[in-house]
PDB file of all heavy atoms in Angstrom:
ATOM      1  N   LEU A   1       0.860  -1.223   0.000  1.00  0.00           N
ATOM      2  CA  LEU A   1      -0.022  -0.032   0.002  1.00  0.00           C
ATOM      3  C   LEU A   1       0.837   1.244   0.000  1.00  0.00           C
ATOM      4  O   LEU A   1       0.613   2.203  -0.737  1.00  0.00           O
ATOM      5  CB  LEU A   1      -0.934  -0.039   1.235  1.00  0.00           C
ATOM      6  CG  LEU A   1      -2.020  -1.044   1.211  1.00  0.00           C
ATOM      7  CD1 LEU A   1      -2.844  -0.942   2.496  1.00  0.00           C
ATOM      8  CD2 LEU A   1      -2.919  -0.932  -0.007  1.00  0.00           C
ATOM      9  N   TRP A   2       1.877   1.284   0.827  1.00  0.00           N
ATOM     10  CA  TRP A   2       2.796   2.411   0.858  1.00  0.00           C
ATOM     11  C   TRP A   2       3.502   2.619  -0.542  1.00  0.00           C
ATOM     12  O   TRP A   2       3.615   3.761  -1.004  1.00  0.00           O
ATOM     13  CB  TRP A   2       3.835   2.304   1.964  1.00  0.00           C
ATOM     14  CG  TRP A   2       4.990   3.248   1.752  1.00  0.00           C
ATOM     15  CD1 TRP A   2       6.200   2.963   1.329  1.00  0.00           C
ATOM     16  CD2 TRP A   2       4.985   4.684   1.828  1.00  0.00           C
ATOM     17  NE1 TRP A   2       7.007   4.053   1.200  1.00  0.00           N
ATOM     18  CE2 TRP A   2       6.297   5.102   1.496  1.00  0.00           C
ATOM     19  CE3 TRP A   2       3.989   5.611   2.219  1.00  0.00           C
ATOM     20  CZ2 TRP A   2       6.607   6.481   1.521  1.00  0.00           C
ATOM     21  CZ3 TRP A   2       4.388   6.955   2.226  1.00  0.00           C
ATOM     22  CH2 TRP A   2       5.632   7.373   1.885  1.00  0.00           C
ATOM     23  N   GLY A   3       4.010   1.494  -1.100  1.00  0.00           N
ATOM     24  CA  GLY A   3       4.678   1.572  -2.358  1.00  0.00           C
ATOM     25  C   GLY A   3       3.748   2.139  -3.408  1.00  0.00           C
ATOM     26  O   GLY A   3       4.205   2.936  -4.275  1.00  0.00           O
ATOM     27  N   GLN A   4       2.508   1.676  -3.470  1.00  0.00           N
ATOM     28  CA  GLN A   4       1.542   2.127  -4.465  1.00  0.00           C
ATOM     29  C   GLN A   4       1.284   3.669  -4.262  1.00  0.00           C
ATOM     30  O   GLN A   4       1.218   4.450  -5.229  1.00  0.00           O
ATOM     31  CB  GLN A   4       0.320   1.317  -4.420  1.00  0.00           C
ATOM     32  CG  GLN A   4      -0.821   1.768  -5.418  1.00  0.00           C
ATOM     33  CD  GLN A   4      -0.409   1.426  -6.852  1.00  0.00           C
ATOM     34  OE1 GLN A   4       0.557   0.671  -7.099  1.00  0.00           O
ATOM     35  NE2 GLN A   4      -1.118   1.972  -7.791  1.00  0.00           N
ATOM     36  N   LEU A   5       1.023   4.052  -3.001  1.00  0.00           N
ATOM     37  CA  LEU A   5       0.685   5.416  -2.722  1.00  0.00           C
ATOM     38  C   LEU A   5       1.916   6.363  -3.020  1.00  0.00           C
ATOM     39  O   LEU A   5       1.738   7.449  -3.659  1.00  0.00           O
ATOM     40  CB  LEU A   5       0.395   5.592  -1.267  1.00  0.00           C
ATOM     41  CG  LEU A   5       0.042   7.011  -0.747  1.00  0.00           C
ATOM     42  CD1 LEU A   5      -1.133   7.623  -1.435  1.00  0.00           C
ATOM     43  CD2 LEU A   5      -0.109   7.013   0.742  1.00  0.00           C
ATOM     44  N   CYS A   6       3.142   5.926  -2.640  1.00  0.00           N
ATOM     45  CA  CYS A   6       4.302   6.782  -2.991  1.00  0.00           C
ATOM     46  C   CYS A   6       4.503   6.872  -4.410  1.00  0.00           C
ATOM     47  O   CYS A   6       4.815   7.985  -4.927  1.00  0.00           O
ATOM     48  CB  CYS A   6       5.540   6.133  -2.314  1.00  0.00           C
ATOM     49  SG  CYS A   6       7.075   7.049  -2.493  1.00  0.00           S
ATOM     50  N   ARG A   7       4.316   5.827  -5.179  1.00  0.00           N
ATOM     51  CA  ARG A   7       4.533   5.829  -6.618  1.00  0.00           C
ATOM     52  C   ARG A   7       3.533   6.778  -7.273  1.00  0.00           C
ATOM     53  O   ARG A   7       3.858   7.604  -8.183  1.00  0.00           O
ATOM     54  CB  ARG A   7       4.354   4.444  -7.162  1.00  0.00           C
ATOM     55  CG  ARG A   7       4.438   4.359  -8.716  1.00  0.00           C
ATOM     56  CD  ARG A   7       4.288   2.947  -9.188  1.00  0.00           C
ATOM     57  NE  ARG A   7       4.323   2.876 -10.667  1.00  0.00           N
ATOM     58  CZ  ARG A   7       3.232   3.068 -11.422  1.00  0.00           C
ATOM     59  NH1 ARG A   7       2.057   3.345 -10.876  1.00  0.00           N
ATOM     60  NH2 ARG A   7       3.359   2.978 -12.745  1.00  0.00           N
ATOM     61  N   GLU A   8       2.212   6.742  -6.906  1.00  0.00           N
ATOM     62  CA  GLU A   8       1.229   7.593  -7.515  1.00  0.00           C
ATOM     63  C   GLU A   8       1.470   9.039  -7.212  1.00  0.00           C
ATOM     64  O   GLU A   8       1.386   9.939  -8.102  1.00  0.00           O
ATOM     65  CB  GLU A   8      -0.194   7.221  -7.013  1.00  0.00           C
ATOM     66  CG  GLU A   8      -0.648   5.775  -7.459  1.00  0.00           C
ATOM     67  CD  GLU A   8      -0.829   5.750  -8.959  1.00  0.00           C
ATOM     68  OE1 GLU A   8      -1.127   6.800  -9.541  1.00  0.00           O
ATOM     69  OE2 GLU A   8      -0.732   4.651  -9.521  1.00  0.00           O
ATOM     70  N   ILE A   9       1.839   9.378  -6.009  1.00  0.00           N
ATOM     71  CA  ILE A   9       2.136  10.785  -5.674  1.00  0.00           C
ATOM     72  C   ILE A   9       3.350  11.306  -6.416  1.00  0.00           C
ATOM     73  O   ILE A   9       3.382  12.433  -6.950  1.00  0.00           O
ATOM     74  CB  ILE A   9       2.228  10.949  -4.103  1.00  0.00           C
ATOM     75  CG1 ILE A   9       0.960  10.652  -3.434  1.00  0.00           C
ATOM     76  CG2 ILE A   9       2.769  12.315  -3.800  1.00  0.00           C
ATOM     77  CD1 ILE A   9       0.943  10.779  -1.941  1.00  0.00           C
ATOM     78  N   LEU A  10       4.398  10.517  -6.441  1.00  0.00           N
ATOM     79  CA  LEU A  10       5.622  10.922  -7.169  1.00  0.00           C
ATOM     80  C   LEU A  10       5.294  11.082  -8.651  1.00  0.00           C
ATOM     81  O   LEU A  10       5.903  11.983  -9.301  1.00  0.00           O
ATOM     82  CB  LEU A  10       6.783   9.996  -6.890  1.00  0.00           C
ATOM     83  CG  LEU A  10       7.352   9.979  -5.471  1.00  0.00           C
ATOM     84  CD1 LEU A  10       8.458   9.034  -5.333  1.00  0.00           C
ATOM     85  CD2 LEU A  10       7.839  11.380  -5.092  1.00  0.00           C
ATOM     86  N   LEU A  11       4.546  10.229  -9.214  1.00  0.00           N
ATOM     87  CA  LEU A  11       4.189  10.308 -10.608  1.00  0.00           C
ATOM     88  C   LEU A  11       3.384  11.638 -10.905  1.00  0.00           C
ATOM     89  O   LEU A  11       3.647  12.338 -11.877  1.00  0.00           O
ATOM     90  CB  LEU A  11       3.377   9.124 -11.099  1.00  0.00           C
ATOM     91  CG  LEU A  11       4.103   7.897 -11.479  1.00  0.00           C
ATOM     92  CD1 LEU A  11       3.201   6.710 -11.764  1.00  0.00           C
ATOM     93  CD2 LEU A  11       5.124   8.084 -12.559  1.00  0.00           C
ATOM     94  N   LEU A  12       2.481  11.900  -9.916  1.00  0.00           N
ATOM     95  CA  LEU A  12       1.691  13.148 -10.059  1.00  0.00           C
ATOM     96  C   LEU A  12       2.627  14.395  -9.997  1.00  0.00           C
ATOM     97  O   LEU A  12       2.479  15.309 -10.858  1.00  0.00           O
ATOM     98  CB  LEU A  12       0.665  13.195  -8.947  1.00  0.00           C
ATOM     99  CG  LEU A  12      -0.147  14.488  -8.817  1.00  0.00           C
ATOM    100  CD1 LEU A  12      -1.025  14.727 -10.029  1.00  0.00           C
ATOM    101  CD2 LEU A  12      -0.998  14.489  -7.509  1.00  0.00           C
ATOM    102  N   LEU A  13       3.487  14.465  -9.021  1.00  0.00           N
ATOM    103  CA  LEU A  13       4.423  15.555  -8.882  1.00  0.00           C
ATOM    104  C   LEU A  13       5.345  15.615 -10.084  1.00  0.00           C
ATOM    105  O   LEU A  13       5.768  16.678 -10.562  1.00  0.00           O
ATOM    106  CB  LEU A  13       5.178  15.490  -7.553  1.00  0.00           C
ATOM    107  CG  LEU A  13       4.318  15.526  -6.331  1.00  0.00           C
ATOM    108  CD1 LEU A  13       5.195  15.395  -5.075  1.00  0.00           C
ATOM    109  CD2 LEU A  13       3.575  16.834  -6.274  1.00  0.00           C
ATOM    110  N   GLY A  14       5.815  14.438 -10.596  1.00  0.00           N
ATOM    111  CA  GLY A  14       6.709  14.420 -11.679  1.00  0.00           C
ATOM    112  C   GLY A  14       6.125  14.942 -12.954  1.00  0.00           C
ATOM    113  O   GLY A  14       6.766  15.710 -13.729  1.00  0.00           O
ATOM    114  N   GLN A  15       4.890  14.617 -13.233  1.00  0.00           N
ATOM    115  CA  GLN A  15       4.193  15.197 -14.432  1.00  0.00           C
ATOM    116  C   GLN A  15       3.995  16.702 -14.322  1.00  0.00           C
ATOM    117  O   GLN A  15       4.308  17.405 -15.325  1.00  0.00           O
ATOM    118  CB  GLN A  15       2.797  14.474 -14.533  1.00  0.00           C
ATOM    119  CG  GLN A  15       2.896  13.004 -14.847  1.00  0.00           C
ATOM    120  CD  GLN A  15       1.516  12.307 -14.817  1.00  0.00           C
ATOM    121  OE1 GLN A  15       0.507  13.001 -14.512  1.00  0.00           O
ATOM    122  NE2 GLN A  15       1.455  11.076 -15.087  1.00  0.00           N
ATOM    123  N   ASP A  16       3.638  17.193 -13.170  1.00  0.00           N
ATOM    124  CA  ASP A  16       3.477  18.609 -13.058  1.00  0.00           C
ATOM    125  C   ASP A  16       4.836  19.332 -13.029  1.00  0.00           C
ATOM    126  O   ASP A  16       4.950  20.484 -13.469  1.00  0.00           O
ATOM    127  CB  ASP A  16       2.705  18.955 -11.815  1.00  0.00           C
ATOM    128  CG  ASP A  16       1.255  18.445 -11.905  1.00  0.00           C
ATOM    129  OD1 ASP A  16       0.803  18.190 -12.996  1.00  0.00           O
ATOM    130  OD2 ASP A  16       0.581  18.318 -10.849  1.00  0.00           O
ATOM    131  N   TYR A  17       5.891  18.666 -12.559  1.00  0.00           N
ATOM    132  CA  TYR A  17       7.178  19.265 -12.568  1.00  0.00           C
ATOM    133  C   TYR A  17       7.688  19.348 -14.001  1.00  0.00           C
ATOM    134  O   TYR A  17       8.229  20.386 -14.440  1.00  0.00           O
ATOM    135  CB  TYR A  17       8.198  18.329 -11.748  1.00  0.00           C
ATOM    136  CG  TYR A  17       9.638  18.664 -11.882  1.00  0.00           C
ATOM    137  CD1 TYR A  17      10.150  19.762 -11.371  1.00  0.00           C
ATOM    138  CD2 TYR A  17      10.436  17.769 -12.602  1.00  0.00           C
ATOM    139  CE1 TYR A  17      11.554  20.065 -11.547  1.00  0.00           C
ATOM    140  CE2 TYR A  17      11.823  18.058 -12.747  1.00  0.00           C
ATOM    141  CZ  TYR A  17      12.333  19.190 -12.242  1.00  0.00           C
ATOM    142  OH  TYR A  17      13.632  19.430 -12.375  1.00  0.00           O
ATOM    143  N   GLN A  18       7.483  18.349 -14.862  1.00  0.00           N
ATOM    144  CA  GLN A  18       7.881  18.434 -16.239  1.00  0.00           C
ATOM    145  C   GLN A  18       7.018  19.481 -16.991  1.00  0.00           C
ATOM    146  O   GLN A  18       7.556  20.206 -17.833  1.00  0.00           O
ATOM    147  CB  GLN A  18       7.661  17.049 -16.865  1.00  0.00           C
ATOM    148  CG  GLN A  18       8.533  15.966 -16.413  1.00  0.00           C
ATOM    149  CD  GLN A  18      10.022  16.269 -16.769  1.00  0.00           C
ATOM    150  OE1 GLN A  18      10.339  16.861 -17.754  1.00  0.00           O
ATOM    151  NE2 GLN A  18      10.902  15.699 -15.900  1.00  0.00           N
ATOM    152  N   LEU A  19       5.788  19.644 -16.623  1.00  0.00           N
ATOM    153  CA  LEU A  19       4.988  20.704 -17.236  1.00  0.00           C
ATOM    154  C   LEU A  19       5.544  22.061 -16.908  1.00  0.00           C
ATOM    155  O   LEU A  19       5.494  22.993 -17.721  1.00  0.00           O
ATOM    156  CB  LEU A  19       3.506  20.593 -16.752  1.00  0.00           C
ATOM    157  CG  LEU A  19       2.534  21.613 -17.321  1.00  0.00           C
ATOM    158  CD1 LEU A  19       2.386  21.365 -18.836  1.00  0.00           C
ATOM    159  CD2 LEU A  19       1.141  21.408 -16.674  1.00  0.00           C
ATOM    160  N   LEU A  20       5.992  22.291 -15.703  1.00  0.00           N
ATOM    161  CA  LEU A  20       6.547  23.535 -15.237  1.00  0.00           C
ATOM    162  C   LEU A  20       7.841  23.810 -16.050  1.00  0.00           C
ATOM    163  O   LEU A  20       8.183  24.938 -16.469  1.00  0.00           O
ATOM    164  CB  LEU A  20       6.872  23.535 -13.796  1.00  0.00           C
ATOM    165  CG  LEU A  20       7.525  24.772 -13.214  1.00  0.00           C
ATOM    166  CD1 LEU A  20       6.730  26.078 -13.421  1.00  0.00           C
ATOM    167  CD2 LEU A  20       7.896  24.617 -11.721  1.00  0.00           C
ATOM    168  N   LEU A  21       8.701  22.763 -16.226  1.00  0.00           N
ATOM    169  CA  LEU A  21       9.928  22.940 -17.006  1.00  0.00           C
ATOM    170  C   LEU A  21       9.665  23.322 -18.430  1.00  0.00           C
ATOM    171  O   LEU A  21      10.429  24.066 -19.076  1.00  0.00           O
ATOM    172  CB  LEU A  21      10.744  21.692 -16.946  1.00  0.00           C
ATOM    173  CG  LEU A  21      11.334  21.261 -15.564  1.00  0.00           C
ATOM    174  CD1 LEU A  21      12.183  20.003 -15.684  1.00  0.00           C
ATOM    175  CD2 LEU A  21      12.178  22.402 -14.972  1.00  0.00           C
ATOM    176  N   ARG A  22       8.526  22.779 -18.991  1.00  0.00           N
ATOM    177  CA  ARG A  22       8.140  23.123 -20.362  1.00  0.00           C
ATOM    178  C   ARG A  22       7.368  24.461 -20.394  1.00  0.00           C
ATOM    179  O   ARG A  22       6.934  24.883 -21.541  1.00  0.00           O
ATOM    180  CB  ARG A  22       7.232  21.998 -20.964  1.00  0.00           C
ATOM    181  CG  ARG A  22       8.005  20.712 -21.084  1.00  0.00           C
ATOM    182  CD  ARG A  22       7.176  19.747 -21.987  1.00  0.00           C
ATOM    183  NE  ARG A  22       5.777  19.652 -21.484  1.00  0.00           N
ATOM    184  CZ  ARG A  22       5.357  18.599 -20.690  1.00  0.00           C
ATOM    185  NH1 ARG A  22       6.283  17.716 -20.228  1.00  0.00           N
ATOM    186  NH2 ARG A  22       4.155  18.566 -20.324  1.00  0.00           N
ATOM    187  N   ARG A  23       7.208  25.104 -19.295  1.00  0.00           N
ATOM    188  CA  ARG A  23       6.463  26.359 -19.176  1.00  0.00           C
ATOM    189  C   ARG A  23       5.002  26.260 -19.782  1.00  0.00           C
ATOM    190  O   ARG A  23       4.541  27.091 -20.440  1.00  0.00           O
ATOM    191  CB  ARG A  23       7.206  27.499 -19.932  1.00  0.00           C
ATOM    192  CG  ARG A  23       8.560  27.838 -19.361  1.00  0.00           C
ATOM    193  CD  ARG A  23       8.443  28.315 -17.919  1.00  0.00           C
ATOM    194  NE  ARG A  23       9.734  28.759 -17.369  1.00  0.00           N
ATOM    195  CZ  ARG A  23      10.483  28.012 -16.495  1.00  0.00           C
ATOM    196  NH1 ARG A  23      10.037  26.787 -16.177  1.00  0.00           N
ATOM    197  NH2 ARG A  23      11.569  28.454 -16.054  1.00  0.00           N
ATOM    198  N   GLY A  24       4.458  25.116 -19.401  1.00  0.00           N
ATOM    199  CA  GLY A  24       2.994  24.898 -19.732  1.00  0.00           C
ATOM    200  C   GLY A  24       2.810  24.360 -21.141  1.00  0.00           C
ATOM    201  O   GLY A  24       1.625  24.202 -21.571  1.00  0.00           O
ATOM    202  N   ALA A  25       3.810  24.138 -21.874  1.00  0.00           N
ATOM    203  CA  ALA A  25       3.657  23.631 -23.266  1.00  0.00           C
ATOM    204  C   ALA A  25       3.425  22.137 -23.250  1.00  0.00           C
ATOM    205  O   ALA A  25       3.632  21.413 -22.290  1.00  0.00           O
ATOM    206  CB  ALA A  25       4.925  23.909 -24.087  1.00  0.00           C
TER     207      ALA A  25
END
């Protein structure tokens, strides 16, 4: 359960982090 939760949250933050690096593109 912890591994699944940690993976989902890090994936969420990683996607939005990449979006910020692309300046919303």
